[in-house]
């Protein structure tokens, strides 16, 4: 009886793929982008963590990416919600364990300040900060229901988004713009100065400038 039990345990250990449950990951590098009508491509880097896919992720609901076209006076956002049973396929490294050609599902919730389109005569480029919260799960290939998870983790991140809109023309005093590209460049939070640090630096520079001016007058 004991031999049968040991055999069953050994069989289960062999056929079930081990799942890596990662701690919450802070994204410190990498990027995500949408070009034209293409889907989301991304390469995310964190502490002992990386995920990369190319052009087969969710289309998302970014209002900027829906400009086909958008009119002046409209308010749009570079952020968006990317969610569903498919965030693309690709490769990952989680806690030192590599996973190749797996599927991804989860949620990328990207927040950014609203932008109001102006009346203009040229293409537009907006550079704005963004934040990301969400989660991602890796699944074995051809497993749309993701019954066999190989890893799952929550995500946070921040950085700079660059939005490019093409000027289509002005019609009856209203300018029309079409979406070209949207890129999210992630930054290491540890390398971004805190607001208090910036305030102190600015105060110090103002004080230094006043001191220089007093010396120049003397």
C-alpha atoms as a PDB file:
ATOM      1  CA  UNK A   1       0.000   0.000   0.000  1.00  0.00           C
ATOM      2  CA  UNK A   2       2.789   2.395   0.939  1.00  0.00           C
ATOM      3  CA  UNK A   3       4.623   1.656  -2.312  1.00  0.00           C
ATOM      4  CA  UNK A   4       1.470   2.497  -4.300  1.00  0.00           C
ATOM      5  CA  UNK A   5       1.075   5.785  -2.403  1.00  0.00           C
ATOM      6  CA  UNK A   6       4.721   6.740  -2.997  1.00  0.00           C
ATOM      7  CA  UNK A   7       4.318   5.930  -6.687  1.00  0.00           C
ATOM      8  CA  UNK A   8       1.246   8.155  -7.000  1.00  0.00           C
ATOM      9  CA  UNK A   9       3.031  11.034  -5.275  1.00  0.00           C
ATOM     10  CA  UNK A  10       6.037  10.682  -7.569  1.00  0.00           C
ATOM     11  CA  UNK A  11       3.788  10.634 -10.641  1.00  0.00           C
ATOM     12  CA  UNK A  12       1.964  13.801  -9.562  1.00  0.00           C
ATOM     13  CA  UNK A  13       5.255  15.592  -8.917  1.00  0.00           C
ATOM     14  CA  UNK A  14       6.462  14.711 -12.421  1.00  0.00           C
ATOM     15  CA  UNK A  15       3.383  15.677 -14.424  1.00  0.00           C
ATOM     16  CA  UNK A  16       2.387  18.877 -12.622  1.00  0.00           C
ATOM     17  CA  UNK A  17       4.395  21.936 -13.622  1.00  0.00           C
ATOM     18  CA  UNK A  18       5.624  23.828 -10.538  1.00  0.00           C
ATOM     19  CA  UNK A  19       4.103  27.296 -10.111  1.00  0.00           C
ATOM     20  CA  UNK A  20       6.189  30.244  -8.975  1.00  0.00           C
ATOM     21  CA  UNK A  21       4.276  32.623  -6.712  1.00  0.00           C
ATOM     22  CA  UNK A  22       6.276  35.844  -6.858  1.00  0.00           C
ATOM     23  CA  UNK A  23       6.206  38.644  -4.334  1.00  0.00           C
ATOM     24  CA  UNK A  24       4.748  41.969  -5.558  1.00  0.00           C
ATOM     25  CA  UNK A  25       7.051  43.300  -8.278  1.00  0.00           C
ATOM     26  CA  UNK A  26       8.092  46.943  -8.665  1.00  0.00           C
ATOM     27  CA  UNK A  27       8.848  47.659 -12.326  1.00  0.00           C
ATOM     28  CA  UNK A  28      12.216  49.428 -12.509  1.00  0.00           C
ATOM     29  CA  UNK A  29      12.834  49.407 -16.256  1.00  0.00           C
ATOM     30  CA  UNK A  30      11.550  48.453 -19.666  1.00  0.00           C
ATOM     31  CA  UNK A  31       8.745  49.874 -21.768  1.00  0.00           C
ATOM     32  CA  UNK A  32       5.323  49.261 -23.285  1.00  0.00           C
ATOM     33  CA  UNK A  33       4.055  50.677 -26.559  1.00  0.00           C
ATOM     34  CA  UNK A  34       1.258  50.809 -29.124  1.00  0.00           C
ATOM     35  CA  UNK A  35       1.931  51.862 -32.716  1.00  0.00           C
ATOM     36  CA  UNK A  36      -0.886  52.607 -35.138  1.00  0.00           C
ATOM     37  CA  UNK A  37      -3.523  49.888 -34.914  1.00  0.00           C
ATOM     38  CA  UNK A  38      -1.106  47.374 -33.385  1.00  0.00           C
ATOM     39  CA  UNK A  39      -1.675  45.719 -30.035  1.00  0.00           C
ATOM     40  CA  UNK A  40       0.326  46.347 -26.877  1.00  0.00           C
ATOM     41  CA  UNK A  41       3.987  45.295 -26.866  1.00  0.00           C
ATOM     42  CA  UNK A  42       5.903  45.333 -23.610  1.00  0.00           C
ATOM     43  CA  UNK A  43       9.124  44.439 -21.860  1.00  0.00           C
ATOM     44  CA  UNK A  44       8.929  44.771 -18.079  1.00  0.00           C
ATOM     45  CA  UNK A  45      11.946  44.541 -15.771  1.00  0.00           C
ATOM     46  CA  UNK A  46      12.022  44.262 -11.985  1.00  0.00           C
ATOM     47  CA  UNK A  47      14.070  42.674  -9.221  1.00  0.00           C
ATOM     48  CA  UNK A  48      14.834  39.150 -10.482  1.00  0.00           C
ATOM     49  CA  UNK A  49      11.873  39.508 -12.824  1.00  0.00           C
ATOM     50  CA  UNK A  50      11.352  40.129 -16.531  1.00  0.00           C
ATOM     51  CA  UNK A  51       8.499  39.649 -18.984  1.00  0.00           C
ATOM     52  CA  UNK A  52       8.674  40.297 -22.713  1.00  0.00           C
ATOM     53  CA  UNK A  53       6.104  40.059 -25.486  1.00  0.00           C
ATOM     54  CA  UNK A  54       5.896  41.657 -28.921  1.00  0.00           C
ATOM     55  CA  UNK A  55       2.791  43.055 -30.548  1.00  0.00           C
ATOM     56  CA  UNK A  56       0.184  40.518 -29.488  1.00  0.00           C
ATOM     57  CA  UNK A  57      -1.200  41.922 -26.258  1.00  0.00           C
ATOM     58  CA  UNK A  58      -4.582  43.417 -25.499  1.00  0.00           C
ATOM     59  CA  UNK A  59      -5.739  46.464 -27.509  1.00  0.00           C
ATOM     60  CA  UNK A  60      -6.835  48.217 -24.331  1.00  0.00           C
ATOM     61  CA  UNK A  61      -9.173  51.173 -23.971  1.00  0.00           C
ATOM     62  CA  UNK A  62      -6.737  54.109 -24.029  1.00  0.00           C
ATOM     63  CA  UNK A  63      -8.809  57.054 -25.228  1.00  0.00           C
ATOM     64  CA  UNK A  64      -5.760  58.440 -27.038  1.00  0.00           C
ATOM     65  CA  UNK A  65      -5.343  55.241 -29.045  1.00  0.00           C
ATOM     66  CA  UNK A  66      -9.004  55.506 -30.096  1.00  0.00           C
ATOM     67  CA  UNK A  67      -8.390  58.808 -31.926  1.00  0.00           C
ATOM     68  CA  UNK A  68      -9.336  57.924 -35.511  1.00  0.00           C
ATOM     69  CA  UNK A  69      -9.697  60.920 -35.403  1.00  0.00           C
ATOM     70  CA  UNK A  70     -10.332  63.075 -32.316  1.00  0.00           C
ATOM     71  CA  UNK A  71     -11.388  66.733 -32.496  1.00  0.00           C
ATOM     72  CA  UNK A  72      -9.925  69.785 -30.785  1.00  0.00           C
ATOM     73  CA  UNK A  73     -11.619  70.479 -27.469  1.00  0.00           C
ATOM     74  CA  UNK A  74     -11.880  66.782 -26.631  1.00  0.00           C
ATOM     75  CA  UNK A  75     -10.223  65.486 -23.459  1.00  0.00           C
ATOM     76  CA  UNK A  76      -8.195  62.292 -23.798  1.00  0.00           C
ATOM     77  CA  UNK A  77      -5.701  60.369 -21.687  1.00  0.00           C
ATOM     78  CA  UNK A  78      -2.449  58.584 -22.425  1.00  0.00           C
ATOM     79  CA  UNK A  79      -3.407  55.986 -19.807  1.00  0.00           C
ATOM     80  CA  UNK A  80      -5.717  53.042 -20.260  1.00  0.00           C
ATOM     81  CA  UNK A  81      -6.888  49.671 -19.013  1.00  0.00           C
ATOM     82  CA  UNK A  82      -5.381  46.585 -20.638  1.00  0.00           C
ATOM     83  CA  UNK A  83      -7.144  43.487 -19.403  1.00  0.00           C
ATOM     84  CA  UNK A  84      -8.376  40.113 -20.510  1.00  0.00           C
ATOM     85  CA  UNK A  85      -7.528  36.504 -21.087  1.00  0.00           C
ATOM     86  CA  UNK A  86      -4.690  37.563 -23.351  1.00  0.00           C
ATOM     87  CA  UNK A  87      -1.884  39.984 -22.619  1.00  0.00           C
ATOM     88  CA  UNK A  88       0.101  38.306 -25.338  1.00  0.00           C
ATOM     89  CA  UNK A  89       2.662  35.510 -25.439  1.00  0.00           C
ATOM     90  CA  UNK A  90       6.381  35.555 -24.815  1.00  0.00           C
ATOM     91  CA  UNK A  91       9.124  34.773 -22.342  1.00  0.00           C
ATOM     92  CA  UNK A  92       9.586  35.469 -18.644  1.00  0.00           C
ATOM     93  CA  UNK A  93      12.075  35.061 -15.817  1.00  0.00           C
ATOM     94  CA  UNK A  94      10.610  34.943 -12.311  1.00  0.00           C
ATOM     95  CA  UNK A  95      12.754  34.403  -9.210  1.00  0.00           C
ATOM     96  CA  UNK A  96      15.507  32.990 -11.414  1.00  0.00           C
ATOM     97  CA  UNK A  97      13.214  30.506 -13.190  1.00  0.00           C
ATOM     98  CA  UNK A  98      12.914  30.982 -16.988  1.00  0.00           C
ATOM     99  CA  UNK A  99       9.643  30.354 -18.843  1.00  0.00           C
ATOM    100  CA  UNK A 100       9.613  30.333 -22.648  1.00  0.00           C
ATOM    101  CA  UNK A 101       6.709  30.686 -25.078  1.00  0.00           C
ATOM    102  CA  UNK A 102       4.012  31.042 -22.452  1.00  0.00           C
ATOM    103  CA  UNK A 103       0.763  33.007 -22.465  1.00  0.00           C
ATOM    104  CA  UNK A 104       0.041  35.993 -20.224  1.00  0.00           C
ATOM    105  CA  UNK A 105      -3.202  37.169 -18.695  1.00  0.00           C
ATOM    106  CA  UNK A 106      -3.981  39.833 -16.124  1.00  0.00           C
ATOM    107  CA  UNK A 107      -4.583  43.562 -15.850  1.00  0.00           C
ATOM    108  CA  UNK A 108      -2.469  46.632 -16.610  1.00  0.00           C
ATOM    109  CA  UNK A 109      -4.172  49.732 -15.225  1.00  0.00           C
ATOM    110  CA  UNK A 110      -2.204  52.772 -16.425  1.00  0.00           C
ATOM    111  CA  UNK A 111      -3.167  56.171 -15.051  1.00  0.00           C
ATOM    112  CA  UNK A 112      -2.215  59.532 -16.552  1.00  0.00           C
ATOM    113  CA  UNK A 113      -3.429  63.146 -16.367  1.00  0.00           C
ATOM    114  CA  UNK A 114      -6.142  64.188 -18.868  1.00  0.00           C
ATOM    115  CA  UNK A 115      -5.145  66.139 -21.985  1.00  0.00           C
ATOM    116  CA  UNK A 116      -7.334  68.608 -23.895  1.00  0.00           C
ATOM    117  CA  UNK A 117      -6.678  68.770 -27.621  1.00  0.00           C
ATOM    118  CA  UNK A 118      -6.067  72.304 -28.927  1.00  0.00           C
ATOM    119  CA  UNK A 119      -7.000  74.020 -32.158  1.00  0.00           C
ATOM    120  CA  UNK A 120      -3.776  73.703 -34.119  1.00  0.00           C
ATOM    121  CA  UNK A 121      -2.045  73.244 -37.447  1.00  0.00           C
ATOM    122  CA  UNK A 122       0.601  70.585 -36.745  1.00  0.00           C
ATOM    123  CA  UNK A 123       1.240  67.189 -35.184  1.00  0.00           C
ATOM    124  CA  UNK A 124       1.132  66.931 -31.385  1.00  0.00           C
ATOM    125  CA  UNK A 125       3.530  65.289 -28.948  1.00  0.00           C
ATOM    126  CA  UNK A 126       2.637  65.008 -25.270  1.00  0.00           C
ATOM    127  CA  UNK A 127       5.113  63.870 -22.616  1.00  0.00           C
ATOM    128  CA  UNK A 128       3.380  63.105 -19.328  1.00  0.00           C
ATOM    129  CA  UNK A 129       4.024  60.990 -16.207  1.00  0.00           C
ATOM    130  CA  UNK A 130       2.076  57.782 -15.622  1.00  0.00           C
ATOM    131  CA  UNK A 131       1.570  55.134 -12.954  1.00  0.00           C
ATOM    132  CA  UNK A 132       0.837  51.430 -13.349  1.00  0.00           C
ATOM    133  CA  UNK A 133      -0.921  48.980 -11.053  1.00  0.00           C
ATOM    134  CA  UNK A 134      -2.032  45.504 -11.960  1.00  0.00           C
ATOM    135  CA  UNK A 135      -1.151  41.856 -12.087  1.00  0.00           C
ATOM    136  CA  UNK A 136       0.155  39.280 -14.523  1.00  0.00           C
ATOM    137  CA  UNK A 137      -0.075  35.502 -14.679  1.00  0.00           C
ATOM    138  CA  UNK A 138       1.929  33.150 -16.869  1.00  0.00           C
ATOM    139  CA  UNK A 139       0.151  30.139 -18.391  1.00  0.00           C
ATOM    140  CA  UNK A 140       1.280  27.086 -20.309  1.00  0.00           C
ATOM    141  CA  UNK A 141       0.896  27.369 -24.129  1.00  0.00           C
ATOM    142  CA  UNK A 142      -2.527  26.588 -25.653  1.00  0.00           C
ATOM    143  CA  UNK A 143      -4.162  26.942 -22.263  1.00  0.00           C
ATOM    144  CA  UNK A 144      -6.602  29.825 -22.658  1.00  0.00           C
ATOM    145  CA  UNK A 145      -8.295  29.120 -19.330  1.00  0.00           C
ATOM    146  CA  UNK A 146      -4.885  29.119 -17.605  1.00  0.00           C
ATOM    147  CA  UNK A 147      -5.574  26.059 -15.506  1.00  0.00           C
ATOM    148  CA  UNK A 148      -1.822  25.454 -15.298  1.00  0.00           C
ATOM    149  CA  UNK A 149      -0.230  28.640 -13.988  1.00  0.00           C
ATOM    150  CA  UNK A 150       3.542  28.846 -13.951  1.00  0.00           C
ATOM    151  CA  UNK A 151       3.679  32.154 -12.058  1.00  0.00           C
ATOM    152  CA  UNK A 152       1.452  34.936 -10.792  1.00  0.00           C
ATOM    153  CA  UNK A 153       2.342  38.324  -9.304  1.00  0.00           C
ATOM    154  CA  UNK A 154       1.035  41.840  -8.732  1.00  0.00           C
ATOM    155  CA  UNK A 155       2.757  44.810 -10.371  1.00  0.00           C
ATOM    156  CA  UNK A 156       3.402  48.480  -9.656  1.00  0.00           C
ATOM    157  CA  UNK A 157       5.389  50.976 -11.683  1.00  0.00           C
ATOM    158  CA  UNK A 158       5.755  54.525 -12.924  1.00  0.00           C
ATOM    159  CA  UNK A 159       7.497  56.506 -15.609  1.00  0.00           C
ATOM    160  CA  UNK A 160       7.049  58.824 -18.577  1.00  0.00           C
ATOM    161  CA  UNK A 161       4.533  58.382 -21.407  1.00  0.00           C
ATOM    162  CA  UNK A 162       5.059  59.863 -24.882  1.00  0.00           C
ATOM    163  CA  UNK A 163       1.950  60.278 -27.030  1.00  0.00           C
ATOM    164  CA  UNK A 164       2.149  61.224 -30.717  1.00  0.00           C
ATOM    165  CA  UNK A 165      -0.901  62.445 -32.651  1.00  0.00           C
ATOM    166  CA  UNK A 166      -1.020  63.270 -36.358  1.00  0.00           C
ATOM    167  CA  UNK A 167      -2.691  66.516 -37.488  1.00  0.00           C
ATOM    168  CA  UNK A 168      -5.308  65.651 -40.111  1.00  0.00           C
ATOM    169  CA  UNK A 169      -6.518  69.168 -40.866  1.00  0.00           C
ATOM    170  CA  UNK A 170      -8.938  71.858 -39.707  1.00  0.00           C
ATOM    171  CA  UNK A 171     -12.594  71.622 -40.677  1.00  0.00           C
ATOM    172  CA  UNK A 172     -15.021  74.435 -39.844  1.00  0.00           C
ATOM    173  CA  UNK A 173     -12.633  75.723 -37.204  1.00  0.00           C
ATOM    174  CA  UNK A 174     -12.166  72.307 -35.576  1.00  0.00           C
ATOM    175  CA  UNK A 175      -8.788  70.542 -35.729  1.00  0.00           C
ATOM    176  CA  UNK A 176      -8.696  66.772 -36.210  1.00  0.00           C
ATOM    177  CA  UNK A 177      -5.943  64.484 -34.892  1.00  0.00           C
ATOM    178  CA  UNK A 178      -5.271  60.773 -35.435  1.00  0.00           C
ATOM    179  CA  UNK A 179      -3.376  58.421 -33.162  1.00  0.00           C
ATOM    180  CA  UNK A 180       0.179  57.505 -34.181  1.00  0.00           C
ATOM    181  CA  UNK A 181       1.982  55.975 -31.211  1.00  0.00           C
ATOM    182  CA  UNK A 182       2.038  55.716 -27.444  1.00  0.00           C
ATOM    183  CA  UNK A 183       5.110  54.660 -25.462  1.00  0.00           C
ATOM    184  CA  UNK A 184       5.465  54.089 -21.726  1.00  0.00           C
ATOM    185  CA  UNK A 185       9.059  54.241 -20.447  1.00  0.00           C
ATOM    186  CA  UNK A 186       9.362  52.805 -16.935  1.00  0.00           C
ATOM    187  CA  UNK A 187      11.679  54.389 -14.386  1.00  0.00           C
ATOM    188  CA  UNK A 188      13.197  53.045 -11.185  1.00  0.00           C
ATOM    189  CA  UNK A 189      11.257  54.722  -8.323  1.00  0.00           C
ATOM    190  CA  UNK A 190      14.417  54.706  -6.224  1.00  0.00           C
ATOM    191  CA  UNK A 191      16.107  56.944  -8.803  1.00  0.00           C
ATOM    192  CA  UNK A 192      13.286  59.506  -8.939  1.00  0.00           C
ATOM    193  CA  UNK A 193      13.765  62.440  -6.492  1.00  0.00           C
ATOM    194  CA  UNK A 194      11.029  62.837  -3.900  1.00  0.00           C
ATOM    195  CA  UNK A 195       8.976  66.080  -4.052  1.00  0.00           C
ATOM    196  CA  UNK A 196      10.620  67.296  -0.838  1.00  0.00           C
ATOM    197  CA  UNK A 197      14.054  66.717  -2.337  1.00  0.00           C
ATOM    198  CA  UNK A 198      13.091  68.735  -5.402  1.00  0.00           C
ATOM    199  CA  UNK A 199      11.720  71.529  -3.202  1.00  0.00           C
ATOM    200  CA  UNK A 200      14.893  71.667  -1.142  1.00  0.00           C
ATOM    201  CA  UNK A 201      17.038  71.661  -4.268  1.00  0.00           C
ATOM    202  CA  UNK A 202      15.005  74.485  -5.806  1.00  0.00           C
ATOM    203  CA  UNK A 203      15.202  76.493  -2.569  1.00  0.00           C
ATOM    204  CA  UNK A 204      18.948  75.985  -2.429  1.00  0.00           C
ATOM    205  CA  UNK A 205      19.393  77.135  -6.026  1.00  0.00           C
ATOM    206  CA  UNK A 206      17.267  80.236  -5.379  1.00  0.00           C
ATOM    207  CA  UNK A 207      19.348  81.051  -2.307  1.00  0.00           C
ATOM    208  CA  UNK A 208      22.576  80.512  -4.241  1.00  0.00           C
ATOM    209  CA  UNK A 209      21.355  82.808  -7.015  1.00  0.00           C
ATOM    210  CA  UNK A 210      20.498  85.549  -4.510  1.00  0.00           C
ATOM    211  CA  UNK A 211      23.926  85.212  -2.904  1.00  0.00           C
ATOM    212  CA  UNK A 212      25.660  85.519  -6.266  1.00  0.00           C
ATOM    213  CA  UNK A 213      23.623  88.606  -7.129  1.00  0.00           C
ATOM    214  CA  UNK A 214      24.560  90.266  -3.799  1.00  0.00           C
ATOM    215  CA  UNK A 215      28.235  89.586  -4.447  1.00  0.00           C
ATOM    216  CA  UNK A 216      27.934  91.018  -7.948  1.00  0.00           C
ATOM    217  CA  UNK A 217      26.383  94.224  -6.588  1.00  0.00           C
ATOM    218  CA  UNK A 218      29.095  94.505  -3.918  1.00  0.00           C
END
